[in-house]
Each structure stands twice: as C-alpha cells, then as structure tokens.
Amino acid sequence: MKLHGKRHAAMLLAALLAPVAYAASLPEVIKAGESFMVAQADSQKRVDALAEQGRDLSNDYRTTLRESEGLKLYLQQLRAQLKSQEEEMAVIRQESSELDRTNIEILPLMQRMLASMDQFVQLDVPFLKEERAARVARLNDMMPRADVTVSEKYRRIVEAYQIEMEYGRTIEAYRGKLGDKEVDFLRVGRVGLYYQTPDGKQTGYWDRDKKDWTSDGSYAEGVTEGLKVAKKQTSPNLLIVPVQAAASQ
C-alpha cells in the first residue's frame, strides 16, 4: 500500500508540473518556427536566384548557338571569297608575266615606228616641218622615261601616226617663212604644197623632183581660191593648181 501510494503521488506531481514545462517551451517553439520561416525564405531566394541564373545561362547558350551558326556561314563565305581572290591573283600573275613579255617585244617595235616616222617627216613634202619634227623629238624624249607607262607611250605614238595620216585627207592654209619673206602656204592633202605672198604678187609650189620651191605665177588664181577654201572664207570649189605625177618605182 505504501508503494502504490508513492507511485500515485509521483504521477500527480508530473501532472501538476506538465503545464509549467509546456509554458516554458512555447517561446522556444515560436522562435524555432520563425527561424524556420526565415531559413525557408532564404532557401527560396537561393532557389529563385539559381533558377534566374539557369535561365540566363540557357539564354546565353541559345545566343551562343546562333552566333556560332552565323560564324560558320561567315567562314564559309570567307573561304569562298579567299578562293576567288586566289584564283584572281593567279590570273593577274599570269597576265603580268605575259605583259612583261609583251613589253620586251613592243619597246623595240615602238623605237622602229619612231625611226620610220622621223625619216618620213624628213623626206615628205615640207609642210609644217618644224611642228612635225618637234612632235617626233618629244616622242623620242618620252621613250626612256620611267614615269610614262608602256601603254601611254604606245598610245602617243599611234596618235602621232594618226595625225600624219590625217594630213593626207585635208586641205590647210597657214602662214610661215619662205627664206626671208613671209608667205601663205596652201597644203592640199599630200599631193601639193603651194605658197603665195600676202600681196598675191608671187606664187609657187614645192617641186618634189627638184626638192625645191618653184615660182609659177600662172597658178596664182587657183592658189588664191584654195587659200580662201582652206580658211573657210568660201565654199569648196574646183582648184586649178599644178599636181606632180607619182614617181615611178
């Protein structure tokens, strides 16, 4: 009976002390709950940050993929362009090599052309002789110049030949000196070269056979008319002037 009484007293004491223990742990429970909520919020923030970082990485990855595809296309185009340029450079090298060979061949040709023109001017009817001789001299001076391209040298020589050819198809009047007197010259193509003093008192022509000037007043009227035609002072008309026959070979 004593033992039973003691156990009953212990249980009664525990029951009496239980509300006190519960009251003592409630703040701790609330505090623990608040700490848990804070920890959970921090965890959520970290999760959200990781999710945002993941989205950023995903966007960066997709952007990198697009840039990679763009770079691949650019590299393909660049390779094609480089190949085209290499082929063009090969053509240019080939053309340069051929041009060098052409230059080696054309330079002596141009020298021969100039020598022939110089000789022709010296032997031709002596119209504008100083002007024509000066043109040939300028071309000869041009030939050794390094600042003038081969193509430009050739162009100028051909241009001089064209001028000489044009003389054979035109009529021209100009004033110049014949000995110590001033005269009007009349050139009719290359078939005739005549002169007449400004007062019309003396008329003559270039004698190809004698290689000298011959005075002949019988053709004064024809030369006067020819000078007017050449100066465009009158319309073209039939000219009566001496014309020498072509020399026999």
C-alpha atoms as a PDB file:
ATOM      1  CA  MET A   1       0.000   0.000   0.000  1.00  0.00           C
ATOM      2  CA  LYS A   2       2.890   2.315   0.644  1.00  0.00           C
ATOM      3  CA  LEU A   3       4.411   1.598  -2.731  1.00  0.00           C
ATOM      4  CA  HIS A   4       1.185   2.200  -4.531  1.00  0.00           C
ATOM      5  CA  GLY A   5       0.725   5.451  -2.711  1.00  0.00           C
ATOM      6  CA  LYS A   6       4.179   6.666  -3.682  1.00  0.00           C
ATOM      7  CA  ARG A   7       3.583   5.922  -7.428  1.00  0.00           C
ATOM      8  CA  HIS A   8       0.323   7.773  -7.326  1.00  0.00           C
ATOM      9  CA  ALA A   9       1.993  10.792  -5.728  1.00  0.00           C
ATOM     10  CA  ALA A  10       4.690  10.853  -8.484  1.00  0.00           C
ATOM     11  CA  MET A  11       2.093  10.774 -11.239  1.00  0.00           C
ATOM     12  CA  LEU A  12       0.181  13.561  -9.596  1.00  0.00           C
ATOM     13  CA  LEU A  13       3.364  15.648  -9.338  1.00  0.00           C
ATOM     14  CA  ALA A  14       4.156  15.090 -13.026  1.00  0.00           C
ATOM     15  CA  ALA A  15       0.646  16.145 -13.975  1.00  0.00           C
ATOM     16  CA  LEU A  16       0.968  19.278 -11.924  1.00  0.00           C
ATOM     17  CA  LEU A  17       4.387  20.140 -13.428  1.00  0.00           C
ATOM     18  CA  ALA A  18       3.372  19.479 -17.132  1.00  0.00           C
ATOM     19  CA  PRO A  19       1.662  22.892 -17.778  1.00  0.00           C
ATOM     20  CA  VAL A  20       4.681  24.619 -16.334  1.00  0.00           C
ATOM     21  CA  ALA A  21       7.027  22.740 -18.737  1.00  0.00           C
ATOM     22  CA  TYR A  22       4.754  23.461 -21.738  1.00  0.00           C
ATOM     23  CA  ALA A  23       4.568  27.113 -20.807  1.00  0.00           C
ATOM     24  CA  ALA A  24       8.348  27.248 -20.560  1.00  0.00           C
ATOM     25  CA  SER A  25       8.927  25.712 -24.151  1.00  0.00           C
ATOM     26  CA  LEU A  26       6.311  27.702 -26.149  1.00  0.00           C
ATOM     27  CA  PRO A  27       8.519  30.742 -26.852  1.00  0.00           C
ATOM     28  CA  GLU A  28      11.272  28.433 -27.989  1.00  0.00           C
ATOM     29  CA  VAL A  29       8.846  26.723 -30.351  1.00  0.00           C
ATOM     30  CA  ILE A  30       7.686  30.071 -31.756  1.00  0.00           C
ATOM     31  CA  LYS A  31      11.271  31.212 -32.098  1.00  0.00           C
ATOM     32  CA  ALA A  32      12.201  27.987 -33.823  1.00  0.00           C
ATOM     33  CA  GLY A  33       9.258  28.395 -36.188  1.00  0.00           C
ATOM     34  CA  GLU A  34      10.302  31.917 -37.063  1.00  0.00           C
ATOM     35  CA  SER A  35      13.853  30.741 -37.693  1.00  0.00           C
ATOM     36  CA  PHE A  36      12.485  28.004 -39.930  1.00  0.00           C
ATOM     37  CA  MET A  37      10.401  30.510 -41.888  1.00  0.00           C
ATOM     38  CA  VAL A  38      13.426  32.799 -42.346  1.00  0.00           C
ATOM     39  CA  ALA A  39      15.552  29.862 -43.400  1.00  0.00           C
ATOM     40  CA  GLN A  40      12.835  28.740 -45.810  1.00  0.00           C
ATOM     41  CA  ALA A  41      12.613  32.279 -47.303  1.00  0.00           C
ATOM     42  CA  ASP A  42      16.388  32.372 -47.708  1.00  0.00           C
ATOM     43  CA  SER A  43      16.311  28.980 -49.336  1.00  0.00           C
ATOM     44  CA  GLN A  44      13.574  30.152 -51.720  1.00  0.00           C
ATOM     45  CA  LYS A  45      15.633  33.206 -52.597  1.00  0.00           C
ATOM     46  CA  ARG A  46      18.580  30.982 -53.356  1.00  0.00           C
ATOM     47  CA  VAL A  47      16.376  28.709 -55.427  1.00  0.00           C
ATOM     48  CA  ASP A  48      14.941  31.708 -57.313  1.00  0.00           C
ATOM     49  CA  ALA A  49      18.466  33.076 -57.870  1.00  0.00           C
ATOM     50  CA  LEU A  50      19.638  29.716 -59.138  1.00  0.00           C
ATOM     51  CA  ALA A  51      16.588  29.480 -61.419  1.00  0.00           C
ATOM     52  CA  GLU A  52      17.261  33.006 -62.778  1.00  0.00           C
ATOM     53  CA  GLN A  53      20.913  32.113 -63.285  1.00  0.00           C
ATOM     54  CA  GLY A  54      19.829  28.974 -65.079  1.00  0.00           C
ATOM     55  CA  ARG A  55      17.554  30.955 -67.391  1.00  0.00           C
ATOM     56  CA  ASP A  56      20.386  33.405 -68.079  1.00  0.00           C
ATOM     57  CA  LEU A  57      22.740  30.556 -68.875  1.00  0.00           C
ATOM     58  CA  SER A  58      20.122  28.998 -71.144  1.00  0.00           C
ATOM     59  CA  ASN A  59      19.618  32.297 -72.974  1.00  0.00           C
ATOM     60  CA  ASP A  60      23.374  32.739 -73.262  1.00  0.00           C
ATOM     61  CA  TYR A  61      23.674  29.225 -74.647  1.00  0.00           C
ATOM     62  CA  ARG A  62      20.996  29.824 -77.283  1.00  0.00           C
ATOM     63  CA  THR A  63      22.616  33.137 -78.196  1.00  0.00           C
ATOM     64  CA  THR A  64      25.997  31.428 -78.467  1.00  0.00           C
ATOM     65  CA  LEU A  65      24.490  28.760 -80.718  1.00  0.00           C
ATOM     66  CA  ARG A  66      23.019  31.412 -83.047  1.00  0.00           C
ATOM     67  CA  GLU A  67      26.328  33.274 -83.121  1.00  0.00           C
ATOM     68  CA  SER A  68      28.124  30.011 -83.828  1.00  0.00           C
ATOM     69  CA  GLU A  69      25.857  29.288 -86.788  1.00  0.00           C
ATOM     70  CA  GLY A  70      26.399  32.836 -88.038  1.00  0.00           C
ATOM     71  CA  LEU A  71      30.164  32.419 -87.726  1.00  0.00           C
ATOM     72  CA  LYS A  72      30.010  29.152 -89.648  1.00  0.00           C
ATOM     73  CA  LEU A  73      28.172  30.857 -92.513  1.00  0.00           C
ATOM     74  CA  TYR A  74      30.600  33.787 -92.411  1.00  0.00           C
ATOM     75  CA  LEU A  75      33.592  31.440 -92.515  1.00  0.00           C
ATOM     76  CA  GLN A  76      32.093  29.579 -95.471  1.00  0.00           C
ATOM     77  CA  GLN A  77      31.606  32.846 -97.343  1.00  0.00           C
ATOM     78  CA  LEU A  78      35.096  33.978 -96.360  1.00  0.00           C
ATOM     79  CA  ARG A  79      36.623  30.733 -97.663  1.00  0.00           C
ATOM     80  CA  ALA A  80      34.750  31.123-100.945  1.00  0.00           C
ATOM     81  CA  GLN A  81      35.892  34.749-101.211  1.00  0.00           C
ATOM     82  CA  LEU A  82      39.508  33.812-100.452  1.00  0.00           C
ATOM     83  CA  LYS A  83      39.396  31.078-103.066  1.00  0.00           C
ATOM     84  CA  SER A  84      38.034  33.539-105.617  1.00  0.00           C
ATOM     85  CA  GLN A  85      40.747  36.054-104.750  1.00  0.00           C
ATOM     86  CA  GLU A  86      43.458  33.405-105.034  1.00  0.00           C
ATOM     87  CA  GLU A  87      42.159  32.448-108.481  1.00  0.00           C
ATOM     88  CA  GLU A  88      42.058  36.132-109.488  1.00  0.00           C
ATOM     89  CA  MET A  89      45.609  36.645-108.215  1.00  0.00           C
ATOM     90  CA  ALA A  90      46.757  33.670-110.267  1.00  0.00           C
ATOM     91  CA  VAL A  91      45.180  35.224-113.363  1.00  0.00           C
ATOM     92  CA  ILE A  92      46.807  38.584-112.577  1.00  0.00           C
ATOM     93  CA  ARG A  93      50.206  36.925-112.140  1.00  0.00           C
ATOM     94  CA  GLN A  94      49.755  35.167-115.465  1.00  0.00           C
ATOM     95  CA  GLU A  95      48.717  38.391-117.171  1.00  0.00           C
ATOM     96  CA  SER A  96      51.636  40.253-115.596  1.00  0.00           C
ATOM     97  CA  SER A  97      54.020  37.634-116.893  1.00  0.00           C
ATOM     98  CA  GLU A  98      52.522  37.921-120.368  1.00  0.00           C
ATOM     99  CA  LEU A  99      52.624  41.725-120.117  1.00  0.00           C
ATOM    100  CA  ASP A 100      56.315  41.630-119.268  1.00  0.00           C
ATOM    101  CA  ARG A 101      56.967  39.532-122.375  1.00  0.00           C
ATOM    102  CA  THR A 102      54.806  41.916-124.427  1.00  0.00           C
ATOM    103  CA  ASN A 103      56.733  44.916-123.093  1.00  0.00           C
ATOM    104  CA  ILE A 104      60.005  43.293-124.110  1.00  0.00           C
ATOM    105  CA  GLU A 105      58.653  42.833-127.626  1.00  0.00           C
ATOM    106  CA  ILE A 106      56.788  46.130-128.035  1.00  0.00           C
ATOM    107  CA  LEU A 107      59.562  48.501-126.930  1.00  0.00           C
ATOM    108  CA  PRO A 108      61.790  47.730-129.954  1.00  0.00           C
ATOM    109  CA  LEU A 109      58.692  47.971-132.174  1.00  0.00           C
ATOM    110  CA  MET A 110      57.926  51.466-130.880  1.00  0.00           C
ATOM    111  CA  GLN A 111      61.534  52.511-131.469  1.00  0.00           C
ATOM    112  CA  ARG A 112      61.283  51.324-135.073  1.00  0.00           C
ATOM    113  CA  MET A 113      57.967  53.162-135.503  1.00  0.00           C
ATOM    114  CA  LEU A 114      59.546  56.407-134.286  1.00  0.00           C
ATOM    115  CA  ALA A 115      62.580  55.973-136.523  1.00  0.00           C
ATOM    116  CA  SER A 116      60.304  55.395-139.527  1.00  0.00           C
ATOM    117  CA  MET A 117      58.200  58.472-138.694  1.00  0.00           C
ATOM    118  CA  ASP A 118      61.306  60.626-138.286  1.00  0.00           C
ATOM    119  CA  GLN A 119      62.606  59.501-141.673  1.00  0.00           C
ATOM    120  CA  PHE A 120      59.204  60.013-143.278  1.00  0.00           C
ATOM    121  CA  VAL A 121      58.915  63.591-141.981  1.00  0.00           C
ATOM    122  CA  GLN A 122      62.395  64.382-143.288  1.00  0.00           C
ATOM    123  CA  LEU A 123      61.603  63.032-146.785  1.00  0.00           C
ATOM    124  CA  ASP A 124      57.979  64.176-147.025  1.00  0.00           C
ATOM    125  CA  VAL A 125      56.623  67.383-148.542  1.00  0.00           C
ATOM    126  CA  PRO A 126      57.986  70.095-146.195  1.00  0.00           C
ATOM    127  CA  PHE A 127      54.738  71.395-144.719  1.00  0.00           C
ATOM    128  CA  LEU A 128      54.691  72.256-141.004  1.00  0.00           C
ATOM    129  CA  LYS A 129      58.107  70.700-140.922  1.00  0.00           C
ATOM    130  CA  GLU A 130      59.237  72.253-137.626  1.00  0.00           C
ATOM    131  CA  GLU A 131      55.995  71.291-135.884  1.00  0.00           C
ATOM    132  CA  ARG A 132      56.133  67.709-137.123  1.00  0.00           C
ATOM    133  CA  ALA A 133      59.839  67.322-136.332  1.00  0.00           C
ATOM    134  CA  ALA A 134      59.214  68.667-132.812  1.00  0.00           C
ATOM    135  CA  ARG A 135      56.441  66.095-132.315  1.00  0.00           C
ATOM    136  CA  VAL A 136      58.814  63.266-133.219  1.00  0.00           C
ATOM    137  CA  ALA A 137      61.513  64.732-130.924  1.00  0.00           C
ATOM    138  CA  ARG A 138      59.080  64.835-127.987  1.00  0.00           C
ATOM    139  CA  LEU A 139      58.196  61.192-128.568  1.00  0.00           C
ATOM    140  CA  ASN A 140      61.869  60.206-128.652  1.00  0.00           C
ATOM    141  CA  ASP A 141      62.459  62.102-125.396  1.00  0.00           C
ATOM    142  CA  MET A 142      59.499  60.282-123.837  1.00  0.00           C
ATOM    143  CA  MET A 143      60.723  56.753-124.597  1.00  0.00           C
ATOM    144  CA  PRO A 144      63.343  56.378-121.803  1.00  0.00           C
ATOM    145  CA  ARG A 145      61.104  57.967-119.149  1.00  0.00           C
ATOM    146  CA  ALA A 146      60.090  55.591-116.343  1.00  0.00           C
ATOM    147  CA  ASP A 147      57.142  57.748-115.248  1.00  0.00           C
ATOM    148  CA  VAL A 148      55.305  57.075-118.534  1.00  0.00           C
ATOM    149  CA  THR A 149      53.764  53.626-118.922  1.00  0.00           C
ATOM    150  CA  VAL A 150      54.397  51.485-121.955  1.00  0.00           C
ATOM    151  CA  SER A 151      50.727  51.680-122.918  1.00  0.00           C
ATOM    152  CA  GLU A 152      50.834  55.510-122.769  1.00  0.00           C
ATOM    153  CA  LYS A 153      53.973  55.599-124.918  1.00  0.00           C
ATOM    154  CA  TYR A 154      52.332  53.370-127.496  1.00  0.00           C
ATOM    155  CA  ARG A 155      49.147  55.449-127.438  1.00  0.00           C
ATOM    156  CA  ARG A 156      51.043  58.670-128.133  1.00  0.00           C
ATOM    157  CA  ILE A 157      52.999  57.137-130.996  1.00  0.00           C
ATOM    158  CA  VAL A 158      49.814  55.812-132.598  1.00  0.00           C
ATOM    159  CA  GLU A 159      48.220  59.237-132.103  1.00  0.00           C
ATOM    160  CA  ALA A 160      51.148  60.852-133.954  1.00  0.00           C
ATOM    161  CA  TYR A 161      50.700  58.363-136.813  1.00  0.00           C
ATOM    162  CA  GLN A 162      47.006  59.231-136.966  1.00  0.00           C
ATOM    163  CA  ILE A 163      47.853  62.930-137.223  1.00  0.00           C
ATOM    164  CA  GLU A 164      50.215  62.203-140.120  1.00  0.00           C
ATOM    165  CA  MET A 165      47.542  60.129-141.837  1.00  0.00           C
ATOM    166  CA  GLU A 166      45.011  62.921-141.411  1.00  0.00           C
ATOM    167  CA  TYR A 167      47.246  65.315-143.324  1.00  0.00           C
ATOM    168  CA  GLY A 168      46.643  63.271-146.466  1.00  0.00           C
ATOM    169  CA  ARG A 169      42.859  63.844-146.309  1.00  0.00           C
ATOM    170  CA  THR A 170      42.669  67.556-145.506  1.00  0.00           C
ATOM    171  CA  ILE A 171      43.340  70.970-147.002  1.00  0.00           C
ATOM    172  CA  GLU A 172      45.097  73.562-144.876  1.00  0.00           C
ATOM    173  CA  ALA A 173      46.314  77.162-145.022  1.00  0.00           C
ATOM    174  CA  TYR A 174      48.887  78.616-142.655  1.00  0.00           C
ATOM    175  CA  ARG A 175      51.399  81.475-142.635  1.00  0.00           C
ATOM    176  CA  GLY A 176      55.126  80.938-142.376  1.00  0.00           C
ATOM    177  CA  LYS A 177      58.561  81.915-143.608  1.00  0.00           C
ATOM    178  CA  LEU A 178      59.997  81.039-147.001  1.00  0.00           C
ATOM    179  CA  GLY A 179      63.551  82.207-146.989  1.00  0.00           C
ATOM    180  CA  ASP A 180      63.477  85.808-145.823  1.00  0.00           C
ATOM    181  CA  LYS A 181      59.880  86.545-146.803  1.00  0.00           C
ATOM    182  CA  GLU A 182      56.554  85.790-145.151  1.00  0.00           C
ATOM    183  CA  VAL A 183      54.087  83.808-147.264  1.00  0.00           C
ATOM    184  CA  ASP A 184      50.778  81.975-147.035  1.00  0.00           C
ATOM    185  CA  PHE A 185      51.168  78.225-147.528  1.00  0.00           C
ATOM    186  CA  LEU A 186      48.419  76.055-149.028  1.00  0.00           C
ATOM    187  CA  ARG A 187      48.559  72.285-148.444  1.00  0.00           C
ATOM    188  CA  VAL A 188      46.242  70.074-150.462  1.00  0.00           C
ATOM    189  CA  GLY A 189      46.489  66.662-148.844  1.00  0.00           C
ATOM    190  CA  ARG A 190      49.960  65.413-149.601  1.00  0.00           C
ATOM    191  CA  VAL A 191      49.715  65.899-153.348  1.00  0.00           C
ATOM    192  CA  GLY A 192      50.542  69.592-153.390  1.00  0.00           C
ATOM    193  CA  LEU A 193      52.144  72.320-151.315  1.00  0.00           C
ATOM    194  CA  TYR A 194      51.923  75.905-152.585  1.00  0.00           C
ATOM    195  CA  TYR A 195      52.812  79.388-151.413  1.00  0.00           C
ATOM    196  CA  GLN A 196      51.717  82.915-152.164  1.00  0.00           C
ATOM    197  CA  THR A 197      52.856  86.249-150.800  1.00  0.00           C
ATOM    198  CA  PRO A 198      50.179  88.212-148.884  1.00  0.00           C
ATOM    199  CA  ASP A 199      50.008  90.774-151.708  1.00  0.00           C
ATOM    200  CA  GLY A 200      49.398  87.967-154.248  1.00  0.00           C
ATOM    201  CA  LYS A 201      52.327  89.069-156.439  1.00  0.00           C
ATOM    202  CA  GLN A 202      54.333  85.884-156.096  1.00  0.00           C
ATOM    203  CA  THR A 203      53.057  82.303-156.279  1.00  0.00           C
ATOM    204  CA  GLY A 204      54.868  78.982-156.405  1.00  0.00           C
ATOM    205  CA  TYR A 205      54.852  75.321-155.372  1.00  0.00           C
ATOM    206  CA  TRP A 206      57.104  72.618-153.972  1.00  0.00           C
ATOM    207  CA  ASP A 207      58.750  70.608-156.731  1.00  0.00           C
ATOM    208  CA  ARG A 208      59.106  67.061-155.464  1.00  0.00           C
ATOM    209  CA  ASP A 209      61.576  66.058-158.154  1.00  0.00           C
ATOM    210  CA  LYS A 210      63.846  69.055-157.639  1.00  0.00           C
ATOM    211  CA  LYS A 211      63.192  69.032-153.884  1.00  0.00           C
ATOM    212  CA  ASP A 212      62.960  72.802-154.047  1.00  0.00           C
ATOM    213  CA  TRP A 213      60.466  75.618-154.469  1.00  0.00           C
ATOM    214  CA  THR A 214      59.441  76.687-157.978  1.00  0.00           C
ATOM    215  CA  SER A 215      57.894  80.069-158.712  1.00  0.00           C
ATOM    216  CA  ASP A 216      54.923  79.886-161.114  1.00  0.00           C
ATOM    217  CA  GLY A 217      52.556  82.842-161.353  1.00  0.00           C
ATOM    218  CA  SER A 218      50.257  81.074-163.816  1.00  0.00           C
ATOM    219  CA  TYR A 219      48.542  79.324-160.941  1.00  0.00           C
ATOM    220  CA  ALA A 220      48.109  82.407-158.782  1.00  0.00           C
ATOM    221  CA  GLU A 221      44.322  82.462-159.147  1.00  0.00           C
ATOM    222  CA  GLY A 222      43.960  78.784-158.223  1.00  0.00           C
ATOM    223  CA  VAL A 223      46.189  79.151-155.155  1.00  0.00           C
ATOM    224  CA  THR A 224      44.284  82.268-154.056  1.00  0.00           C
ATOM    225  CA  GLU A 225      40.998  80.364-154.324  1.00  0.00           C
ATOM    226  CA  GLY A 226      42.486  77.392-152.486  1.00  0.00           C
ATOM    227  CA  LEU A 227      43.619  79.619-149.617  1.00  0.00           C
ATOM    228  CA  LYS A 228      40.092  81.005-149.272  1.00  0.00           C
ATOM    229  CA  VAL A 229      38.632  77.483-149.225  1.00  0.00           C
ATOM    230  CA  ALA A 230      41.174  76.312-146.609  1.00  0.00           C
ATOM    231  CA  LYS A 231      40.416  79.350-144.446  1.00  0.00           C
ATOM    232  CA  LYS A 232      36.666  78.660-144.866  1.00  0.00           C
ATOM    233  CA  GLN A 233      36.196  82.070-146.487  1.00  0.00           C
ATOM    234  CA  THR A 234      34.391  80.494-149.430  1.00  0.00           C
ATOM    235  CA  SER A 235      32.694  77.183-150.269  1.00  0.00           C
ATOM    236  CA  PRO A 236      34.812  74.329-151.699  1.00  0.00           C
ATOM    237  CA  ASN A 237      35.329  74.614-155.449  1.00  0.00           C
ATOM    238  CA  LEU A 238      37.445  73.138-158.238  1.00  0.00           C
ATOM    239  CA  LEU A 239      41.068  74.226-157.811  1.00  0.00           C
ATOM    240  CA  ILE A 240      43.389  74.604-160.788  1.00  0.00           C
ATOM    241  CA  VAL A 241      46.872  74.071-159.376  1.00  0.00           C
ATOM    242  CA  PRO A 242      49.911  72.043-160.511  1.00  0.00           C
ATOM    243  CA  VAL A 243      49.970  68.450-159.243  1.00  0.00           C
ATOM    244  CA  GLN A 244      53.009  66.280-159.906  1.00  0.00           C
ATOM    245  CA  ALA A 245      52.533  62.714-161.009  1.00  0.00           C
ATOM    246  CA  ALA A 246      53.525  59.956-158.677  1.00  0.00           C
ATOM    247  CA  ALA A 247      57.139  58.933-159.007  1.00  0.00           C
ATOM    248  CA  SER A 248      57.700  55.645-160.834  1.00  0.00           C
ATOM    249  CA  GLN A 249      59.250  52.820-158.905  1.00  0.00           C
END
